[in-house]
Amino acid sequence: MVKYKLVWTKRSQLHIRVLYSYISKDSPQNAGKVVSDIITAAEKAITNPEYYNPDKFKEKNDGSYRAFEIHHYRIVYRYQKNVIRILRVRHTKMEPLIY
């Protein structure tokens, strides 16, 4: 079984910090849980990068761009070779970017 390396881009790390900061204004405990749940969900792709559905907002997606939602956050990643890169984390109420 091939295991993929999970890499969080600088942009996705910034998104995680911002969402943690925003949620922690009301509840630091909930902020920690949301971030932890996002990380745990992302780690599910390590053994099978096709665990989640292809990203429906990616134009000309060759299938390597995938996305999932958890706690009203949408996480987009791309897998190539043995690396999964988390590209962005955004709230589902935000307008999606067509890219």
N, C-alpha and C. Protein backbone atom coordinates (compact mmCIF):
# COMPACT_ATOMS: atom_id res chain seq x y z
N MET A 1 0.85 -1.18 0.00
CA MET A 1 0.00 0.00 0.00
C MET A 1 0.89 1.25 0.00
N VAL A 2 0.64 2.12 -0.95
CA VAL A 2 1.42 3.35 -1.07
C VAL A 2 0.84 4.40 -0.13
N LYS A 3 1.70 5.01 0.67
CA LYS A 3 1.28 6.11 1.53
C LYS A 3 1.76 7.41 0.91
N TYR A 4 0.90 8.37 0.90
CA TYR A 4 1.22 9.68 0.35
C TYR A 4 1.67 10.61 1.47
N LYS A 5 2.53 11.54 1.12
CA LYS A 5 2.97 12.56 2.06
C LYS A 5 1.96 13.70 2.00
N LEU A 6 1.49 14.15 3.15
CA LEU A 6 0.51 15.23 3.22
C LEU A 6 1.24 16.54 3.47
N VAL A 7 1.06 17.51 2.58
CA VAL A 7 1.73 18.81 2.68
C VAL A 7 0.67 19.91 2.70
N TRP A 8 0.77 20.78 3.68
CA TRP A 8 -0.12 21.94 3.76
C TRP A 8 0.62 23.13 3.15
N THR A 9 0.06 23.72 2.10
CA THR A 9 0.69 24.88 1.48
C THR A 9 0.65 26.06 2.46
N LYS A 10 1.47 27.06 2.19
CA LYS A 10 1.47 28.25 3.05
C LYS A 10 0.09 28.90 3.07
N ARG A 11 -0.58 28.91 1.91
CA ARG A 11 -1.92 29.49 1.83
C ARG A 11 -2.89 28.72 2.72
N SER A 12 -2.86 27.40 2.65
CA SER A 12 -3.79 26.61 3.47
C SER A 12 -3.47 26.74 4.96
N GLN A 13 -2.20 26.86 5.30
CA GLN A 13 -1.83 27.07 6.70
C GLN A 13 -2.37 28.41 7.20
N LEU A 14 -2.29 29.43 6.35
CA LEU A 14 -2.84 30.74 6.70
C LEU A 14 -4.36 30.64 6.90
N HIS A 15 -5.04 29.93 6.01
CA HIS A 15 -6.49 29.76 6.13
C HIS A 15 -6.85 29.08 7.46
N ILE A 16 -6.08 28.07 7.84
CA ILE A 16 -6.33 27.37 9.11
C ILE A 16 -6.13 28.31 10.30
N ARG A 17 -5.08 29.11 10.25
CA ARG A 17 -4.82 30.06 11.35
C ARG A 17 -5.95 31.09 11.45
N VAL A 18 -6.41 31.58 10.31
CA VAL A 18 -7.48 32.58 10.30
C VAL A 18 -8.78 31.98 10.84
N LEU A 19 -9.12 30.79 10.39
CA LEU A 19 -10.36 30.18 10.88
C LEU A 19 -10.26 29.87 12.37
N TYR A 20 -9.10 29.42 12.82
CA TYR A 20 -8.92 29.16 14.25
C TYR A 20 -9.10 30.47 15.04
N SER A 21 -8.48 31.53 14.58
CA SER A 21 -8.57 32.82 15.26
C SER A 21 -10.02 33.30 15.33
N TYR A 22 -10.74 33.15 14.22
CA TYR A 22 -12.13 33.61 14.15
C TYR A 22 -13.01 32.82 15.11
N ILE A 23 -12.92 31.50 15.07
CA ILE A 23 -13.76 30.66 15.92
C ILE A 23 -13.38 30.81 17.39
N SER A 24 -12.10 30.97 17.68
CA SER A 24 -11.66 31.04 19.07
C SER A 24 -12.13 32.31 19.78
N LYS A 25 -12.58 33.31 19.04
CA LYS A 25 -13.15 34.50 19.69
C LYS A 25 -14.36 34.12 20.53
N ASP A 26 -15.13 33.14 20.04
CA ASP A 26 -16.30 32.66 20.78
C ASP A 26 -15.97 31.44 21.64
N SER A 27 -15.12 30.56 21.10
CA SER A 27 -14.84 29.32 21.82
C SER A 27 -13.50 28.71 21.38
N PRO A 28 -12.46 28.91 22.17
CA PRO A 28 -11.18 28.28 21.83
C PRO A 28 -11.27 26.76 21.73
N GLN A 29 -12.12 26.17 22.56
CA GLN A 29 -12.29 24.72 22.53
C GLN A 29 -12.88 24.27 21.19
N ASN A 30 -13.91 24.97 20.72
CA ASN A 30 -14.51 24.62 19.43
C ASN A 30 -13.53 24.86 18.29
N ALA A 31 -12.75 25.91 18.38
CA ALA A 31 -11.76 26.21 17.33
C ALA A 31 -10.76 25.06 17.22
N GLY A 32 -10.30 24.57 18.35
CA GLY A 32 -9.37 23.44 18.34
C GLY A 32 -10.00 22.19 17.76
N LYS A 33 -11.28 21.96 18.08
CA LYS A 33 -11.97 20.78 17.56
C LYS A 33 -12.14 20.86 16.04
N VAL A 34 -12.52 22.02 15.54
CA VAL A 34 -12.71 22.18 14.10
C VAL A 34 -11.40 21.94 13.36
N VAL A 35 -10.33 22.56 13.83
CA VAL A 35 -9.02 22.38 13.19
C VAL A 35 -8.58 20.92 13.26
N SER A 36 -8.76 20.31 14.41
CA SER A 36 -8.39 18.90 14.58
C SER A 36 -9.19 18.01 13.64
N ASP A 37 -10.48 18.26 13.51
CA ASP A 37 -11.33 17.46 12.63
C ASP A 37 -10.94 17.64 11.16
N ILE A 38 -10.56 18.85 10.78
CA ILE A 38 -10.12 19.10 9.40
C ILE A 38 -8.84 18.31 9.12
N ILE A 39 -7.91 18.36 10.03
CA ILE A 39 -6.65 17.64 9.85
C ILE A 39 -6.89 16.13 9.78
N THR A 40 -7.72 15.62 10.67
CA THR A 40 -8.03 14.18 10.67
C THR A 40 -8.69 13.76 9.36
N ALA A 41 -9.61 14.58 8.87
CA ALA A 41 -10.29 14.26 7.60
C ALA A 41 -9.30 14.29 6.45
N ALA A 42 -8.39 15.26 6.44
CA ALA A 42 -7.38 15.34 5.37
C ALA A 42 -6.47 14.13 5.40
N GLU A 43 -6.15 13.64 6.58
CA GLU A 43 -5.26 12.50 6.71
C GLU A 43 -5.86 11.21 6.16
N LYS A 44 -7.18 11.17 6.00
CA LYS A 44 -7.83 9.99 5.41
C LYS A 44 -7.37 9.76 3.97
N ALA A 45 -6.93 10.81 3.32
CA ALA A 45 -6.50 10.70 1.92
C ALA A 45 -5.08 10.15 1.79
N ILE A 46 -4.35 10.02 2.89
CA ILE A 46 -2.95 9.58 2.83
C ILE A 46 -2.82 8.19 2.21
N THR A 47 -3.69 7.28 2.56
CA THR A 47 -3.60 5.93 2.01
C THR A 47 -4.38 5.77 0.71
N ASN A 48 -5.34 6.68 0.45
CA ASN A 48 -6.12 6.63 -0.78
C ASN A 48 -6.47 8.06 -1.19
N PRO A 49 -5.68 8.68 -2.07
CA PRO A 49 -5.92 10.08 -2.43
C PRO A 49 -7.25 10.30 -3.16
N GLU A 50 -7.87 9.23 -3.62
CA GLU A 50 -9.17 9.35 -4.29
C GLU A 50 -10.33 9.09 -3.32
N TYR A 51 -10.05 9.15 -2.04
CA TYR A 51 -11.06 8.93 -1.01
C TYR A 51 -12.20 9.93 -1.16
N TYR A 52 -11.87 11.17 -1.49
CA TYR A 52 -12.88 12.21 -1.65
C TYR A 52 -13.16 12.44 -3.13
N ASN A 53 -14.29 13.08 -3.41
CA ASN A 53 -14.73 13.32 -4.79
C ASN A 53 -13.86 14.34 -5.51
N PRO A 54 -13.83 14.27 -6.84
CA PRO A 54 -13.13 15.30 -7.62
C PRO A 54 -13.72 16.68 -7.33
N ASP A 55 -12.89 17.70 -7.40
CA ASP A 55 -13.32 19.08 -7.14
C ASP A 55 -14.19 19.55 -8.29
N LYS A 56 -15.46 19.81 -8.01
CA LYS A 56 -16.41 20.21 -9.06
C LYS A 56 -16.20 21.65 -9.54
N PHE A 57 -15.41 22.43 -8.81
CA PHE A 57 -15.16 23.81 -9.21
C PHE A 57 -13.87 23.98 -10.01
N LYS A 58 -13.13 22.91 -10.19
CA LYS A 58 -11.88 22.97 -10.96
C LYS A 58 -12.19 22.71 -12.43
N GLU A 59 -11.89 23.71 -13.25
CA GLU A 59 -12.09 23.54 -14.69
C GLU A 59 -11.02 22.59 -15.23
N LYS A 60 -11.41 21.75 -16.14
CA LYS A 60 -10.49 20.78 -16.76
C LYS A 60 -9.75 19.96 -15.71
N ASN A 61 -10.49 19.49 -14.74
CA ASN A 61 -9.91 18.69 -13.67
C ASN A 61 -9.57 17.30 -14.22
N ASP A 62 -8.32 16.93 -14.11
CA ASP A 62 -7.89 15.61 -14.58
C ASP A 62 -8.15 14.53 -13.53
N GLY A 63 -8.82 14.90 -12.45
CA GLY A 63 -9.13 13.96 -11.37
C GLY A 63 -8.17 14.06 -10.20
N SER A 64 -7.10 14.81 -10.37
CA SER A 64 -6.13 14.92 -9.28
C SER A 64 -6.50 16.01 -8.27
N TYR A 65 -7.44 16.87 -8.62
CA TYR A 65 -7.93 17.88 -7.68
C TYR A 65 -9.16 17.30 -6.99
N ARG A 66 -9.13 17.26 -5.68
CA ARG A 66 -10.20 16.67 -4.89
C ARG A 66 -10.64 17.66 -3.82
N ALA A 67 -11.84 17.45 -3.29
CA ALA A 67 -12.35 18.36 -2.27
C ALA A 67 -13.30 17.62 -1.33
N PHE A 68 -13.38 18.13 -0.10
CA PHE A 68 -14.35 17.61 0.85
C PHE A 68 -14.79 18.74 1.77
N GLU A 69 -15.92 18.53 2.43
CA GLU A 69 -16.45 19.53 3.35
C GLU A 69 -16.59 18.94 4.73
N ILE A 70 -16.26 19.75 5.72
CA ILE A 70 -16.41 19.37 7.11
C ILE A 70 -16.60 20.64 7.94
N HIS A 71 -17.56 20.62 8.85
CA HIS A 71 -17.87 21.79 9.70
C HIS A 71 -18.06 23.06 8.88
N HIS A 72 -18.70 22.96 7.76
CA HIS A 72 -18.97 24.10 6.87
C HIS A 72 -17.70 24.71 6.26
N TYR A 73 -16.65 23.92 6.21
CA TYR A 73 -15.42 24.33 5.53
C TYR A 73 -15.15 23.38 4.39
N ARG A 74 -14.71 23.95 3.29
CA ARG A 74 -14.39 23.16 2.10
C ARG A 74 -12.87 23.13 1.93
N ILE A 75 -12.34 21.93 1.87
CA ILE A 75 -10.90 21.73 1.77
C ILE A 75 -10.60 21.17 0.38
N VAL A 76 -9.67 21.81 -0.32
CA VAL A 76 -9.29 21.38 -1.67
C VAL A 76 -7.84 20.92 -1.63
N TYR A 77 -7.61 19.78 -2.27
CA TYR A 77 -6.25 19.27 -2.36
C TYR A 77 -5.98 18.71 -3.74
N ARG A 78 -4.71 18.53 -4.02
CA ARG A 78 -4.28 17.91 -5.27
C ARG A 78 -3.24 16.86 -4.95
N TYR A 79 -3.36 15.73 -5.62
CA TYR A 79 -2.34 14.71 -5.42
C TYR A 79 -1.58 14.47 -6.71
N GLN A 80 -0.28 14.33 -6.57
CA GLN A 80 0.63 14.04 -7.66
C GLN A 80 1.73 13.17 -7.11
N LYS A 81 2.10 12.18 -7.88
CA LYS A 81 3.15 11.25 -7.46
C LYS A 81 2.82 10.75 -6.06
N ASN A 82 3.66 10.97 -5.08
CA ASN A 82 3.39 10.51 -3.71
C ASN A 82 3.12 11.65 -2.75
N VAL A 83 2.61 12.77 -3.28
CA VAL A 83 2.38 13.95 -2.43
C VAL A 83 0.94 14.43 -2.59
N ILE A 84 0.31 14.71 -1.45
CA ILE A 84 -1.00 15.36 -1.42
C ILE A 84 -0.78 16.75 -0.87
N ARG A 85 -1.17 17.76 -1.65
CA ARG A 85 -1.01 19.15 -1.22
C ARG A 85 -2.39 19.74 -0.91
N ILE A 86 -2.55 20.18 0.33
CA ILE A 86 -3.77 20.89 0.71
C ILE A 86 -3.62 22.30 0.16
N LEU A 87 -4.51 22.68 -0.75
CA LEU A 87 -4.37 23.96 -1.46
C LEU A 87 -5.12 25.10 -0.79
N ARG A 88 -6.33 24.82 -0.30
CA ARG A 88 -7.09 25.90 0.33
C ARG A 88 -8.13 25.34 1.28
N VAL A 89 -8.48 26.19 2.23
CA VAL A 89 -9.53 25.89 3.20
C VAL A 89 -10.40 27.13 3.24
N ARG A 90 -11.68 26.98 2.93
CA ARG A 90 -12.57 28.15 2.93
C ARG A 90 -13.92 27.77 3.48
N HIS A 91 -14.62 28.75 4.03
CA HIS A 91 -15.96 28.52 4.54
C HIS A 91 -16.89 28.30 3.35
N THR A 92 -17.86 27.43 3.52
CA THR A 92 -18.75 27.10 2.40
C THR A 92 -19.69 28.25 2.02
N LYS A 93 -19.85 29.25 2.88
CA LYS A 93 -20.67 30.40 2.51
C LYS A 93 -19.93 31.38 1.61
N MET A 94 -18.62 31.21 1.49
CA MET A 94 -17.85 32.06 0.59
C MET A 94 -18.09 31.60 -0.84
N GLU A 95 -18.08 32.53 -1.76
CA GLU A 95 -18.24 32.18 -3.16
C GLU A 95 -17.06 31.32 -3.60
N PRO A 96 -17.33 30.21 -4.26
CA PRO A 96 -16.23 29.35 -4.71
C PRO A 96 -15.45 30.00 -5.84
N LEU A 97 -14.17 29.72 -5.87
CA LEU A 97 -13.34 30.19 -6.97
C LEU A 97 -13.36 29.15 -8.06
N ILE A 98 -13.62 29.58 -9.28
CA ILE A 98 -13.48 28.69 -10.43
C ILE A 98 -12.04 28.86 -10.87
N TYR A 99 -11.30 27.79 -10.89
CA TYR A 99 -9.89 27.89 -11.22
C TYR A 99 -9.50 26.80 -12.17
